[in-house]
Amino acid sequence: MYLHGVLTGIGDAPLKTKKTTLDQGRENELVALQAIGTIGWLSTRQVGAWLYPGRPPHTATNKAARVLARLVANGELKRRDEKSEKRRNGANFGIGYYVLTPQGACRANDGLTATEQLESGIELSQLDVGRQRVAVEFLTAAQHRGYRVIGATGLRRSITRAAQAAEEQALAAAEQAQAAEEQEQSPAPAFNAAAYAESVQGTPVDLRLIGADGLLVDPLDALTAVLVVRNLHTELVKKAQRLARAAENLEILGHPEIVKKFRKMLEKPLP
């Protein structure tokens, strides 16, 4: 199965020929690179859950660690430590997360279209461990159930590219209209930026989805926006309402009691 060119699982289709250990290892590496690219950053445990569904967590994590070690050694991944890492007796007990390097992005992008391209690195301001952990666990489980999934980084990238493409198309349309006017020809139809932004190569890019923690796309292309909530702030409620208008469904994640109260707030009109 593919998500905009991204392998979302291993063994999705019957194999006609038995893969060698080397072939399977390379496929695991590609799946890991593309998963990290579309989510933005993943921990060893999260890569294990993505690569080896159904395996015991300890086994999956150990197997993923070997895959990640090869990718780091190849210069295709870089490890970053959680900002809130704890130190005891001089030892570092922080959790490591992995991001693509330019070399890793190049390998992950092999065969992808221009609109599907993954990017290296991630802004440190986006390293929100608690929020990412909840969203990724949900997205990983969803992609194993057959959904196409997009992490917050991939969604942000799609929206940015769509906005840039719409701006370029609008500029080209304006120049074409001006040229036609100067030549006293019938002006070209005005460029509809909103319509263009509805989809780029099948990627949902509705600008109202900005700020979602992820996105699910079911087999019928219905969208479910994902939002992690940790408080009941009015601005967060407004964001949730915006996401609900942009997607067919809204999945709210977080502590059960907070989610329950948050849903009740969504039912009431804000002042």
C-alpha atoms as a PDB file:
ATOM      1  CA  MET A   1       0.000   0.000   0.000  1.00  0.00           C
ATOM      2  CA  TYR A   2       1.235   3.481  -0.798  1.00  0.00           C
ATOM      3  CA  LEU A   3       0.510   6.891   0.683  1.00  0.00           C
ATOM      4  CA  HIS A   4       1.337   9.453  -1.986  1.00  0.00           C
ATOM      5  CA  GLY A   5       4.236   7.223  -2.951  1.00  0.00           C
ATOM      6  CA  VAL A   6       5.017   6.326   0.654  1.00  0.00           C
ATOM      7  CA  LEU A   7       5.092   2.650   1.590  1.00  0.00           C
ATOM      8  CA  THR A   8       2.670   2.274   4.495  1.00  0.00           C
ATOM      9  CA  GLY A   9       3.352  -1.341   5.359  1.00  0.00           C
ATOM     10  CA  ILE A  10       5.239  -4.464   4.471  1.00  0.00           C
ATOM     11  CA  GLY A  11       3.656  -7.474   2.852  1.00  0.00           C
ATOM     12  CA  ASP A  12       0.505  -5.635   1.708  1.00  0.00           C
ATOM     13  CA  ALA A  13       0.356  -7.754  -1.449  1.00  0.00           C
ATOM     14  CA  PRO A  14       1.259 -11.415  -2.069  1.00  0.00           C
ATOM     15  CA  LEU A  15       4.820 -11.855  -3.212  1.00  0.00           C
ATOM     16  CA  LYS A  16       5.460 -13.764  -6.403  1.00  0.00           C
ATOM     17  CA  THR A  17       9.065 -14.475  -5.526  1.00  0.00           C
ATOM     18  CA  LYS A  18      10.670 -14.976  -2.163  1.00  0.00           C
ATOM     19  CA  LYS A  19      12.699 -11.988  -1.048  1.00  0.00           C
ATOM     20  CA  THR A  20      16.244 -12.382   0.098  1.00  0.00           C
ATOM     21  CA  THR A  21      17.268 -11.126   3.509  1.00  0.00           C
ATOM     22  CA  LEU A  22      19.087  -8.265   1.791  1.00  0.00           C
ATOM     23  CA  ASP A  23      16.022  -7.305  -0.252  1.00  0.00           C
ATOM     24  CA  GLN A  24      13.792  -7.395   2.835  1.00  0.00           C
ATOM     25  CA  GLY A  25      16.312  -5.309   4.745  1.00  0.00           C
ATOM     26  CA  ARG A  26      16.394  -2.672   2.016  1.00  0.00           C
ATOM     27  CA  GLU A  27      12.592  -2.576   1.912  1.00  0.00           C
ATOM     28  CA  ASN A  28      12.458  -2.154   5.676  1.00  0.00           C
ATOM     29  CA  GLU A  29      14.903   0.740   5.374  1.00  0.00           C
ATOM     30  CA  LEU A  30      12.790   2.422   2.693  1.00  0.00           C
ATOM     31  CA  VAL A  31       9.597   2.000   4.715  1.00  0.00           C
ATOM     32  CA  ALA A  32      11.332   3.482   7.753  1.00  0.00           C
ATOM     33  CA  LEU A  33      12.713   6.438   5.783  1.00  0.00           C
ATOM     34  CA  GLN A  34       9.368   7.221   4.191  1.00  0.00           C
ATOM     35  CA  ALA A  35       7.458   6.809   7.461  1.00  0.00           C
ATOM     36  CA  ILE A  36       9.845   9.213   9.200  1.00  0.00           C
ATOM     37  CA  GLY A  37       9.584  11.604   6.264  1.00  0.00           C
ATOM     38  CA  THR A  38       5.798  11.727   6.213  1.00  0.00           C
ATOM     39  CA  ILE A  39       5.425  11.964  10.012  1.00  0.00           C
ATOM     40  CA  GLY A  40       8.442  14.250  10.485  1.00  0.00           C
ATOM     41  CA  TRP A  41      10.260  12.347  13.218  1.00  0.00           C
ATOM     42  CA  LEU A  42       9.858   9.010  14.949  1.00  0.00           C
ATOM     43  CA  SER A  43      11.388   7.161  17.893  1.00  0.00           C
ATOM     44  CA  THR A  44      12.808   3.641  17.713  1.00  0.00           C
ATOM     45  CA  ARG A  45       9.693   2.215  19.346  1.00  0.00           C
ATOM     46  CA  GLN A  46       7.421   4.043  16.901  1.00  0.00           C
ATOM     47  CA  VAL A  47       9.382   2.787  13.898  1.00  0.00           C
ATOM     48  CA  GLY A  48       9.122  -0.716  15.334  1.00  0.00           C
ATOM     49  CA  ALA A  49       5.341  -0.432  15.632  1.00  0.00           C
ATOM     50  CA  TRP A  50       5.167   0.907  12.057  1.00  0.00           C
ATOM     51  CA  LEU A  51       7.397  -1.778  10.535  1.00  0.00           C
ATOM     52  CA  TYR A  52       6.379  -4.829  12.535  1.00  0.00           C
ATOM     53  CA  PRO A  53       2.673  -4.762  13.449  1.00  0.00           C
ATOM     54  CA  GLY A  54       1.622  -7.645  15.642  1.00  0.00           C
ATOM     55  CA  ARG A  55       5.117  -8.302  16.970  1.00  0.00           C
ATOM     56  CA  PRO A  56       5.777  -7.974  20.711  1.00  0.00           C
ATOM     57  CA  PRO A  57       6.876  -4.367  21.403  1.00  0.00           C
ATOM     58  CA  HIS A  58      10.300  -5.422  22.689  1.00  0.00           C
ATOM     59  CA  THR A  59      10.973  -7.556  19.596  1.00  0.00           C
ATOM     60  CA  ALA A  60       9.716  -4.880  17.192  1.00  0.00           C
ATOM     61  CA  THR A  61      11.794  -2.184  18.910  1.00  0.00           C
ATOM     62  CA  ASN A  62      14.977  -4.281  18.763  1.00  0.00           C
ATOM     63  CA  LYS A  63      14.461  -5.087  15.090  1.00  0.00           C
ATOM     64  CA  ALA A  64      13.764  -1.421  14.319  1.00  0.00           C
ATOM     65  CA  ALA A  65      16.899  -0.398  16.215  1.00  0.00           C
ATOM     66  CA  ARG A  66      19.018  -2.463  13.810  1.00  0.00           C
ATOM     67  CA  VAL A  67      17.317  -0.870  10.796  1.00  0.00           C
ATOM     68  CA  LEU A  68      17.810   2.625  12.210  1.00  0.00           C
ATOM     69  CA  ALA A  69      21.446   1.911  13.091  1.00  0.00           C
ATOM     70  CA  ARG A  70      22.146   1.025   9.456  1.00  0.00           C
ATOM     71  CA  LEU A  71      20.438   4.187   8.235  1.00  0.00           C
ATOM     72  CA  VAL A  72      22.358   6.366  10.685  1.00  0.00           C
ATOM     73  CA  ALA A  73      25.612   4.677   9.658  1.00  0.00           C
ATOM     74  CA  ASN A  74      24.734   5.358   6.010  1.00  0.00           C
ATOM     75  CA  GLY A  75      24.184   9.033   6.803  1.00  0.00           C
ATOM     76  CA  GLU A  76      20.492   8.824   5.873  1.00  0.00           C
ATOM     77  CA  LEU A  77      19.088   9.535   9.331  1.00  0.00           C
ATOM     78  CA  LYS A  78      20.125  11.797  12.174  1.00  0.00           C
ATOM     79  CA  ARG A  79      19.257  11.200  15.803  1.00  0.00           C
ATOM     80  CA  ARG A  80      17.993  14.041  17.936  1.00  0.00           C
ATOM     81  CA  ASP A  81      17.332  13.860  21.654  1.00  0.00           C
ATOM     82  CA  GLU A  82      14.179  14.987  23.399  1.00  0.00           C
ATOM     83  CA  LYS A  83      14.576  18.523  24.742  1.00  0.00           C
ATOM     84  CA  SER A  84      13.176  17.481  28.121  1.00  0.00           C
ATOM     85  CA  GLU A  85      15.765  14.750  28.545  1.00  0.00           C
ATOM     86  CA  LYS A  86      16.584  13.788  32.113  1.00  0.00           C
ATOM     87  CA  ARG A  87      20.100  13.264  33.389  1.00  0.00           C
ATOM     88  CA  ARG A  88      21.017  11.104  36.355  1.00  0.00           C
ATOM     89  CA  ASN A  89      24.595  10.651  37.551  1.00  0.00           C
ATOM     90  CA  GLY A  90      25.766  12.189  34.316  1.00  0.00           C
ATOM     91  CA  ALA A  91      23.870   9.649  32.193  1.00  0.00           C
ATOM     92  CA  ASN A  92      21.481  10.731  29.463  1.00  0.00           C
ATOM     93  CA  PHE A  93      18.053   9.158  29.839  1.00  0.00           C
ATOM     94  CA  GLY A  94      16.383  11.215  27.100  1.00  0.00           C
ATOM     95  CA  ILE A  95      14.440   9.586  24.272  1.00  0.00           C
ATOM     96  CA  GLY A  96      16.041   9.682  20.842  1.00  0.00           C
ATOM     97  CA  TYR A  97      14.083  10.632  17.736  1.00  0.00           C
ATOM     98  CA  TYR A  98      15.146  10.276  14.131  1.00  0.00           C
ATOM     99  CA  VAL A  99      14.818  12.722  11.239  1.00  0.00           C
ATOM    100  CA  LEU A 100      15.814  12.477   7.588  1.00  0.00           C
ATOM    101  CA  THR A 101      19.127  13.855   6.392  1.00  0.00           C
ATOM    102  CA  PRO A 102      19.351  15.262   2.832  1.00  0.00           C
ATOM    103  CA  GLN A 103      20.824  11.924   1.758  1.00  0.00           C
ATOM    104  CA  GLY A 104      17.993  10.028   3.440  1.00  0.00           C
ATOM    105  CA  ALA A 105      15.374  12.274   1.848  1.00  0.00           C
ATOM    106  CA  CYS A 106      16.954  11.646  -1.553  1.00  0.00           C
ATOM    107  CA  ARG A 107      16.645   7.882  -1.105  1.00  0.00           C
ATOM    108  CA  ALA A 108      13.109   8.117   0.294  1.00  0.00           C
ATOM    109  CA  ASN A 109      12.038  10.293  -2.658  1.00  0.00           C
ATOM    110  CA  ASP A 110      13.229   7.858  -5.310  1.00  0.00           C
ATOM    111  CA  GLY A 111      10.222   7.289  -7.550  1.00  0.00           C
ATOM    112  CA  LEU A 112       8.026   9.953  -5.927  1.00  0.00           C
ATOM    113  CA  THR A 113       6.497  12.812  -7.884  1.00  0.00           C
ATOM    114  CA  ALA A 114       7.404  16.461  -7.315  1.00  0.00           C
ATOM    115  CA  THR A 115       4.394  16.987  -5.017  1.00  0.00           C
ATOM    116  CA  GLU A 116       5.203  13.880  -3.001  1.00  0.00           C
ATOM    117  CA  GLN A 117       8.785  14.781  -2.166  1.00  0.00           C
ATOM    118  CA  LEU A 118       9.835  14.345   1.450  1.00  0.00           C
ATOM    119  CA  GLU A 119      12.176  16.817   3.107  1.00  0.00           C
ATOM    120  CA  SER A 120      15.080  16.440   5.490  1.00  0.00           C
ATOM    121  CA  GLY A 121      15.251  17.764   9.021  1.00  0.00           C
ATOM    122  CA  ILE A 122      12.599  19.377  11.161  1.00  0.00           C
ATOM    123  CA  GLU A 123      12.386  22.618  13.109  1.00  0.00           C
ATOM    124  CA  LEU A 124      13.304  22.092  16.738  1.00  0.00           C
ATOM    125  CA  SER A 125      10.188  24.052  17.713  1.00  0.00           C
ATOM    126  CA  GLN A 126       8.148  21.147  16.348  1.00  0.00           C
ATOM    127  CA  LEU A 127       9.777  18.660  18.739  1.00  0.00           C
ATOM    128  CA  ASP A 128       6.706  18.321  20.983  1.00  0.00           C
ATOM    129  CA  VAL A 129       7.211  14.831  22.343  1.00  0.00           C
ATOM    130  CA  GLY A 130       3.968  14.370  24.244  1.00  0.00           C
ATOM    131  CA  ARG A 131       1.771  15.601  21.423  1.00  0.00           C
ATOM    132  CA  GLN A 132       3.643  13.653  18.742  1.00  0.00           C
ATOM    133  CA  ARG A 133       3.580  10.398  20.700  1.00  0.00           C
ATOM    134  CA  VAL A 134      -0.210  10.343  21.052  1.00  0.00           C
ATOM    135  CA  ALA A 135      -0.804  11.267  17.404  1.00  0.00           C
ATOM    136  CA  VAL A 136       1.724   8.799  15.974  1.00  0.00           C
ATOM    137  CA  GLU A 137       0.354   5.865  17.955  1.00  0.00           C
ATOM    138  CA  PHE A 138      -3.090   6.611  16.542  1.00  0.00           C
ATOM    139  CA  LEU A 139      -1.794   7.117  12.972  1.00  0.00           C
ATOM    140  CA  THR A 140       0.281   3.933  13.073  1.00  0.00           C
ATOM    141  CA  ALA A 141      -2.700   1.849  14.170  1.00  0.00           C
ATOM    142  CA  ALA A 142      -4.853   3.480  11.473  1.00  0.00           C
ATOM    143  CA  GLN A 143      -2.408   2.773   8.644  1.00  0.00           C
ATOM    144  CA  HIS A 144      -2.294  -0.889   9.679  1.00  0.00           C
ATOM    145  CA  ARG A 145      -6.101  -0.911   9.288  1.00  0.00           C
ATOM    146  CA  GLY A 146      -5.774   0.257   5.695  1.00  0.00           C
ATOM    147  CA  TYR A 147      -6.046   4.042   5.996  1.00  0.00           C
ATOM    148  CA  ARG A 148      -3.700   6.398   4.237  1.00  0.00           C
ATOM    149  CA  VAL A 149      -2.153   8.571   6.909  1.00  0.00           C
ATOM    150  CA  ILE A 150      -0.388  11.926   6.885  1.00  0.00           C
ATOM    151  CA  GLY A 151       1.484  13.270   9.897  1.00  0.00           C
ATOM    152  CA  ALA A 152       1.486  16.898  10.962  1.00  0.00           C
ATOM    153  CA  THR A 153       4.752  17.535   9.107  1.00  0.00           C
ATOM    154  CA  GLY A 154       3.528  15.955   5.882  1.00  0.00           C
ATOM    155  CA  LEU A 155       0.247  17.848   6.082  1.00  0.00           C
ATOM    156  CA  ARG A 156       2.014  21.138   6.712  1.00  0.00           C
ATOM    157  CA  ARG A 157       4.289  20.445   3.757  1.00  0.00           C
ATOM    158  CA  SER A 158       1.321  19.692   1.461  1.00  0.00           C
ATOM    159  CA  ILE A 159      -0.445  22.896   2.470  1.00  0.00           C
ATOM    160  CA  THR A 160       2.693  24.993   1.975  1.00  0.00           C
ATOM    161  CA  ARG A 161       3.356  23.525  -1.458  1.00  0.00           C
ATOM    162  CA  ALA A 162      -0.249  23.968  -2.533  1.00  0.00           C
ATOM    163  CA  ALA A 163      -0.210  27.611  -1.437  1.00  0.00           C
ATOM    164  CA  GLN A 164       3.046  28.214  -3.313  1.00  0.00           C
ATOM    165  CA  ALA A 165       1.739  26.466  -6.417  1.00  0.00           C
ATOM    166  CA  ALA A 166      -1.513  28.437  -6.264  1.00  0.00           C
ATOM    167  CA  GLU A 167       0.441  31.688  -5.983  1.00  0.00           C
ATOM    168  CA  GLU A 168       2.601  30.766  -8.975  1.00  0.00           C
ATOM    169  CA  GLN A 169      -0.430  29.766 -11.017  1.00  0.00           C
ATOM    170  CA  ALA A 170      -2.252  32.971 -10.107  1.00  0.00           C
ATOM    171  CA  LEU A 171       0.764  35.051 -11.137  1.00  0.00           C
ATOM    172  CA  ALA A 172       1.022  33.204 -14.447  1.00  0.00           C
ATOM    173  CA  ALA A 173      -2.714  33.714 -15.084  1.00  0.00           C
ATOM    174  CA  ALA A 174      -2.395  37.459 -14.341  1.00  0.00           C
ATOM    175  CA  GLU A 175       0.548  37.785 -16.729  1.00  0.00           C
ATOM    176  CA  GLN A 176      -1.354  35.888 -19.401  1.00  0.00           C
ATOM    177  CA  ALA A 177      -4.404  38.116 -18.962  1.00  0.00           C
ATOM    178  CA  GLN A 178      -2.245  41.232 -19.166  1.00  0.00           C
ATOM    179  CA  ALA A 179      -0.550  39.989 -22.322  1.00  0.00           C
ATOM    180  CA  ALA A 180      -3.926  39.202 -23.891  1.00  0.00           C
ATOM    181  CA  GLU A 181      -5.222  42.668 -22.993  1.00  0.00           C
ATOM    182  CA  GLU A 182      -2.184  44.323 -24.543  1.00  0.00           C
ATOM    183  CA  GLN A 183      -2.777  42.348 -27.720  1.00  0.00           C
ATOM    184  CA  GLU A 184      -6.501  43.148 -27.573  1.00  0.00           C
ATOM    185  CA  GLN A 185      -7.398  39.494 -27.286  1.00  0.00           C
ATOM    186  CA  SER A 186     -10.023  37.899 -25.117  1.00  0.00           C
ATOM    187  CA  PRO A 187      -8.583  37.597 -21.608  1.00  0.00           C
ATOM    188  CA  ALA A 188      -7.781  34.145 -20.308  1.00  0.00           C
ATOM    189  CA  PRO A 189     -10.121  32.735 -17.655  1.00  0.00           C
ATOM    190  CA  ALA A 190      -9.235  33.933 -14.183  1.00  0.00           C
ATOM    191  CA  PHE A 191      -7.290  31.449 -12.118  1.00  0.00           C
ATOM    192  CA  ASN A 192      -9.334  29.935  -9.307  1.00  0.00           C
ATOM    193  CA  ALA A 193      -6.793  29.601  -6.502  1.00  0.00           C
ATOM    194  CA  ALA A 194      -9.336  28.128  -4.097  1.00  0.00           C
ATOM    195  CA  ALA A 195     -10.279  25.371  -6.509  1.00  0.00           C
ATOM    196  CA  TYR A 196      -6.640  24.652  -7.255  1.00  0.00           C
ATOM    197  CA  ALA A 197      -5.864  24.366  -3.554  1.00  0.00           C
ATOM    198  CA  GLU A 198      -8.481  21.669  -3.102  1.00  0.00           C
ATOM    199  CA  SER A 199      -6.065  19.017  -4.315  1.00  0.00           C
ATOM    200  CA  VAL A 200      -2.517  18.581  -5.587  1.00  0.00           C
ATOM    201  CA  GLN A 201      -1.864  15.091  -6.949  1.00  0.00           C
ATOM    202  CA  GLY A 202      -4.619  13.780  -4.705  1.00  0.00           C
ATOM    203  CA  THR A 203      -3.139  15.269  -1.527  1.00  0.00           C
ATOM    204  CA  PRO A 204      -5.658  17.020   0.742  1.00  0.00           C
ATOM    205  CA  VAL A 205      -4.438  20.593   1.101  1.00  0.00           C
ATOM    206  CA  ASP A 206      -7.422  22.550   2.434  1.00  0.00           C
ATOM    207  CA  LEU A 207      -5.848  25.509   4.230  1.00  0.00           C
ATOM    208  CA  ARG A 208      -8.314  25.058   7.097  1.00  0.00           C
ATOM    209  CA  LEU A 209      -6.455  21.846   8.029  1.00  0.00           C
ATOM    210  CA  ILE A 210      -3.454  23.855   9.247  1.00  0.00           C
ATOM    211  CA  GLY A 211      -2.677  22.862  12.822  1.00  0.00           C
ATOM    212  CA  ALA A 212      -4.047  19.314  12.658  1.00  0.00           C
ATOM    213  CA  ASP A 213      -1.865  16.666  14.286  1.00  0.00           C
ATOM    214  CA  GLY A 214      -2.533  14.270  11.441  1.00  0.00           C
ATOM    215  CA  LEU A 215      -4.960  13.220   8.760  1.00  0.00           C
ATOM    216  CA  LEU A 216      -6.601   9.916   7.809  1.00  0.00           C
ATOM    217  CA  VAL A 217      -7.889   9.184   4.321  1.00  0.00           C
ATOM    218  CA  ASP A 218     -10.232   6.209   4.017  1.00  0.00           C
ATOM    219  CA  PRO A 219     -10.703   4.065   0.861  1.00  0.00           C
ATOM    220  CA  LEU A 220     -13.469   6.445  -0.293  1.00  0.00           C
ATOM    221  CA  ASP A 221     -11.177   9.485   0.208  1.00  0.00           C
ATOM    222  CA  ALA A 222     -13.157  10.742   3.194  1.00  0.00           C
ATOM    223  CA  LEU A 223     -10.962  12.796   5.509  1.00  0.00           C
ATOM    224  CA  THR A 224     -10.590  12.538   9.266  1.00  0.00           C
ATOM    225  CA  ALA A 225      -8.593  15.309  10.935  1.00  0.00           C
ATOM    226  CA  VAL A 226      -6.694  14.351  14.088  1.00  0.00           C
ATOM    227  CA  LEU A 227      -6.270  16.747  17.005  1.00  0.00           C
ATOM    228  CA  VAL A 228      -4.485  16.119  20.308  1.00  0.00           C
ATOM    229  CA  VAL A 229      -5.973  18.139  23.172  1.00  0.00           C
ATOM    230  CA  ARG A 230      -4.317  18.747  26.528  1.00  0.00           C
ATOM    231  CA  ASN A 231      -6.383  21.699  27.763  1.00  0.00           C
ATOM    232  CA  LEU A 232      -9.731  23.431  27.264  1.00  0.00           C
ATOM    233  CA  HIS A 233      -8.494  26.757  25.912  1.00  0.00           C
ATOM    234  CA  THR A 234     -10.937  28.657  23.723  1.00  0.00           C
ATOM    235  CA  GLU A 235      -8.422  28.996  20.897  1.00  0.00           C
ATOM    236  CA  LEU A 236      -8.008  25.214  20.781  1.00  0.00           C
ATOM    237  CA  VAL A 237     -11.778  24.801  20.605  1.00  0.00           C
ATOM    238  CA  LYS A 238     -11.868  27.260  17.698  1.00  0.00           C
ATOM    239  CA  LYS A 239      -9.158  25.262  15.940  1.00  0.00           C
ATOM    240  CA  ALA A 240     -11.171  22.064  16.441  1.00  0.00           C
ATOM    241  CA  GLN A 241     -14.258  23.694  14.944  1.00  0.00           C
ATOM    242  CA  ARG A 242     -12.232  24.826  11.928  1.00  0.00           C
ATOM    243  CA  LEU A 243     -10.837  21.323  11.422  1.00  0.00           C
ATOM    244  CA  ALA A 244     -14.314  19.828  11.739  1.00  0.00           C
ATOM    245  CA  ARG A 245     -15.539  22.088   8.927  1.00  0.00           C
ATOM    246  CA  ALA A 246     -12.593  21.124   6.708  1.00  0.00           C
ATOM    247  CA  ALA A 247     -12.847  17.342   7.108  1.00  0.00           C
ATOM    248  CA  GLU A 248     -15.701  14.855   7.163  1.00  0.00           C
ATOM    249  CA  ASN A 249     -14.686  13.672  10.630  1.00  0.00           C
ATOM    250  CA  LEU A 250     -12.683  14.930  13.593  1.00  0.00           C
ATOM    251  CA  GLU A 251     -10.800  12.545  15.889  1.00  0.00           C
ATOM    252  CA  ILE A 252      -9.923  14.088  19.261  1.00  0.00           C
ATOM    253  CA  LEU A 253      -7.135  12.431  21.229  1.00  0.00           C
ATOM    254  CA  GLY A 254      -5.936  12.989  24.779  1.00  0.00           C
ATOM    255  CA  HIS A 255      -6.790  12.199  28.387  1.00  0.00           C
ATOM    256  CA  PRO A 256     -10.337  10.735  28.464  1.00  0.00           C
ATOM    257  CA  GLU A 257     -11.645  13.310  30.951  1.00  0.00           C
ATOM    258  CA  ILE A 258     -10.227  16.244  28.977  1.00  0.00           C
ATOM    259  CA  VAL A 259     -11.552  14.817  25.701  1.00  0.00           C
ATOM    260  CA  LYS A 260     -15.025  14.386  27.239  1.00  0.00           C
ATOM    261  CA  LYS A 261     -15.145  17.995  28.461  1.00  0.00           C
ATOM    262  CA  PHE A 262     -13.669  19.241  25.191  1.00  0.00           C
ATOM    263  CA  ARG A 263     -16.387  17.520  23.144  1.00  0.00           C
ATOM    264  CA  LYS A 264     -19.061  19.181  25.286  1.00  0.00           C
ATOM    265  CA  MET A 265     -17.450  22.568  24.616  1.00  0.00           C
ATOM    266  CA  LEU A 266     -17.545  21.865  20.874  1.00  0.00           C
ATOM    267  CA  GLU A 267     -21.315  21.412  21.082  1.00  0.00           C
ATOM    268  CA  LYS A 268     -21.783  24.911  22.464  1.00  0.00           C
ATOM    269  CA  PRO A 269     -21.394  28.088  20.328  1.00  0.00           C
ATOM    270  CA  LEU A 270     -18.406  30.174  21.349  1.00  0.00           C
ATOM    271  CA  PRO A 271     -18.964  33.826  22.333  1.00  0.00           C
END
